[in-house]
Amino acid sequence: MGAIAPFTPTPPERPSQFHTAGRPAPLRDAAADPAVLGAPHVRFILIHGDQDQALPVNMARRYAAAHGAQVIEPPAAGHFDLINPRSAA
């Protein structure tokens, strides 16, 4: 780990609840995992493409239901379509 140790909160060998392409991602992703962080202390809306293959939309639905948030599901939008300026989403 050496040089990246200050940027990696925990050993990457242990899986988190975050998954990438159906496989557990390293625990370092837990720092950005909403399931680990809990809900923000403000009202929020989740926008999650209904065709996301990296993180299934059901994850967003469950998180929103648990924390009283709304989910907007743009149709035919995948994982990066929401941030891709060339996407129709």
C-alpha atoms as a PDB file:
ATOM      1  CA  MET A   1       0.000   0.000   0.000  1.00  0.00           C
ATOM      2  CA  GLY A   2       2.852   2.371   0.787  1.00  0.00           C
ATOM      3  CA  ALA A   3       2.241   5.667  -1.007  1.00  0.00           C
ATOM      4  CA  ILE A   4      -1.538   5.247  -1.274  1.00  0.00           C
ATOM      5  CA  ALA A   5      -2.064   4.300   2.384  1.00  0.00           C
ATOM      6  CA  PRO A   6      -3.125   7.843   3.409  1.00  0.00           C
ATOM      7  CA  PHE A   7      -5.888   7.714   0.791  1.00  0.00           C
ATOM      8  CA  THR A   8      -7.123   4.204   1.558  1.00  0.00           C
ATOM      9  CA  PRO A   9      -9.077   4.075   4.829  1.00  0.00           C
ATOM     10  CA  THR A  10      -9.067   0.266   5.142  1.00  0.00           C
ATOM     11  CA  PRO A  11      -7.365  -2.725   3.504  1.00  0.00           C
ATOM     12  CA  PRO A  12      -8.738  -3.340   0.003  1.00  0.00           C
ATOM     13  CA  GLU A  13      -8.892  -7.119   0.516  1.00  0.00           C
ATOM     14  CA  ARG A  14     -12.133  -6.924   2.499  1.00  0.00           C
ATOM     15  CA  PRO A  15     -15.315  -6.449   0.426  1.00  0.00           C
ATOM     16  CA  SER A  16     -17.804  -3.692   1.187  1.00  0.00           C
ATOM     17  CA  GLN A  17     -21.507  -3.517   0.387  1.00  0.00           C
ATOM     18  CA  PHE A  18     -20.575  -1.696  -2.820  1.00  0.00           C
ATOM     19  CA  HIS A  19     -20.463  -3.861  -5.938  1.00  0.00           C
ATOM     20  CA  THR A  20     -18.861  -3.241  -9.306  1.00  0.00           C
ATOM     21  CA  ALA A  21     -20.157  -5.216 -12.287  1.00  0.00           C
ATOM     22  CA  GLY A  22     -21.652  -7.782  -9.913  1.00  0.00           C
ATOM     23  CA  ARG A  23     -18.459  -8.264  -7.901  1.00  0.00           C
ATOM     24  CA  PRO A  24     -17.712  -6.811  -4.469  1.00  0.00           C
ATOM     25  CA  ALA A  25     -15.540  -3.719  -4.696  1.00  0.00           C
ATOM     26  CA  PRO A  26     -12.655  -3.075  -2.303  1.00  0.00           C
ATOM     27  CA  LEU A  27     -13.580  -1.685   1.081  1.00  0.00           C
ATOM     28  CA  ARG A  28     -11.883   1.604   0.209  1.00  0.00           C
ATOM     29  CA  ASP A  29     -15.139   2.349  -1.672  1.00  0.00           C
ATOM     30  CA  ALA A  30     -16.974   2.249   1.658  1.00  0.00           C
ATOM     31  CA  ALA A  31     -15.983   5.892   2.119  1.00  0.00           C
ATOM     32  CA  ALA A  32     -18.464   6.670  -0.672  1.00  0.00           C
ATOM     33  CA  ASP A  33     -21.012   3.902  -0.001  1.00  0.00           C
ATOM     34  CA  PRO A  34     -24.359   5.409   1.079  1.00  0.00           C
ATOM     35  CA  ALA A  35     -25.299   2.140   2.793  1.00  0.00           C
ATOM     36  CA  VAL A  36     -22.280   2.583   5.061  1.00  0.00           C
ATOM     37  CA  LEU A  37     -22.511   6.362   5.481  1.00  0.00           C
ATOM     38  CA  GLY A  38     -26.224   6.498   6.245  1.00  0.00           C
ATOM     39  CA  ALA A  39     -28.586   9.241   5.156  1.00  0.00           C
ATOM     40  CA  PRO A  40     -27.537  12.858   4.762  1.00  0.00           C
ATOM     41  CA  HIS A  41     -29.060  15.331   7.195  1.00  0.00           C
ATOM     42  CA  VAL A  42     -30.941  17.134   4.431  1.00  0.00           C
ATOM     43  CA  ARG A  43     -33.832  16.222   2.145  1.00  0.00           C
ATOM     44  CA  PHE A  44     -32.615  14.522  -1.014  1.00  0.00           C
ATOM     45  CA  ILE A  45     -33.728  12.933  -4.286  1.00  0.00           C
ATOM     46  CA  LEU A  46     -31.953   9.978  -5.876  1.00  0.00           C
ATOM     47  CA  ILE A  47     -31.579   9.884  -9.660  1.00  0.00           C
ATOM     48  CA  HIS A  48     -30.736   6.386 -10.833  1.00  0.00           C
ATOM     49  CA  GLY A  49     -30.927   5.056 -14.408  1.00  0.00           C
ATOM     50  CA  ASP A  50     -33.284   2.135 -14.766  1.00  0.00           C
ATOM     51  CA  GLN A  51     -30.777   0.256 -16.966  1.00  0.00           C
ATOM     52  CA  ASP A  52     -27.768   0.654 -14.633  1.00  0.00           C
ATOM     53  CA  GLN A  53     -25.807  -2.615 -14.765  1.00  0.00           C
ATOM     54  CA  ALA A  54     -23.124  -1.578 -12.243  1.00  0.00           C
ATOM     55  CA  LEU A  55     -25.475  -0.696  -9.378  1.00  0.00           C
ATOM     56  CA  PRO A  56     -28.995  -2.086  -9.732  1.00  0.00           C
ATOM     57  CA  VAL A  57     -31.805   0.440  -9.369  1.00  0.00           C
ATOM     58  CA  ASN A  58     -33.248  -1.672  -6.529  1.00  0.00           C
ATOM     59  CA  MET A  59     -30.343  -0.487  -4.371  1.00  0.00           C
ATOM     60  CA  ALA A  60     -31.491   3.113  -4.824  1.00  0.00           C
ATOM     61  CA  ARG A  61     -35.128   2.160  -4.216  1.00  0.00           C
ATOM     62  CA  ARG A  62     -34.296   0.384  -0.935  1.00  0.00           C
ATOM     63  CA  TYR A  63     -32.067   3.220   0.259  1.00  0.00           C
ATOM     64  CA  ALA A  64     -34.701   5.826  -0.603  1.00  0.00           C
ATOM     65  CA  ALA A  65     -37.453   3.849   1.140  1.00  0.00           C
ATOM     66  CA  ALA A  66     -35.318   3.484   4.263  1.00  0.00           C
ATOM     67  CA  HIS A  67     -34.547   7.225   4.394  1.00  0.00           C
ATOM     68  CA  GLY A  68     -37.739   8.844   3.108  1.00  0.00           C
ATOM     69  CA  ALA A  69     -36.316   9.988  -0.229  1.00  0.00           C
ATOM     70  CA  GLN A  70     -37.736  10.057  -3.742  1.00  0.00           C
ATOM     71  CA  VAL A  71     -36.167   8.108  -6.625  1.00  0.00           C
ATOM     72  CA  ILE A  72     -36.279   9.448 -10.180  1.00  0.00           C
ATOM     73  CA  GLU A  73     -35.535   6.721 -12.737  1.00  0.00           C
ATOM     74  CA  PRO A  74     -34.710   8.108 -16.185  1.00  0.00           C
ATOM     75  CA  PRO A  75     -35.733   5.412 -18.692  1.00  0.00           C
ATOM     76  CA  ALA A  76     -33.057   3.572 -20.667  1.00  0.00           C
ATOM     77  CA  ALA A  77     -30.293   5.265 -18.637  1.00  0.00           C
ATOM     78  CA  GLY A  78     -27.233   3.271 -17.633  1.00  0.00           C
ATOM     79  CA  HIS A  79     -24.598   3.884 -14.980  1.00  0.00           C
ATOM     80  CA  PHE A  80     -22.761   6.790 -16.644  1.00  0.00           C
ATOM     81  CA  ASP A  81     -25.562   8.145 -18.843  1.00  0.00           C
ATOM     82  CA  LEU A  82     -26.597  10.671 -16.205  1.00  0.00           C
ATOM     83  CA  ILE A  83     -23.214  12.383 -16.294  1.00  0.00           C
ATOM     84  CA  ASN A  84     -22.421  11.901 -19.984  1.00  0.00           C
ATOM     85  CA  PRO A  85     -23.210  15.122 -21.875  1.00  0.00           C
ATOM     86  CA  ARG A  86     -23.739  13.107 -25.089  1.00  0.00           C
ATOM     87  CA  SER A  87     -26.357  10.849 -23.504  1.00  0.00           C
ATOM     88  CA  ALA A  88     -30.055  11.398 -24.119  1.00  0.00           C
ATOM     89  CA  ALA A  89     -30.663  10.832 -20.394  1.00  0.00           C
END
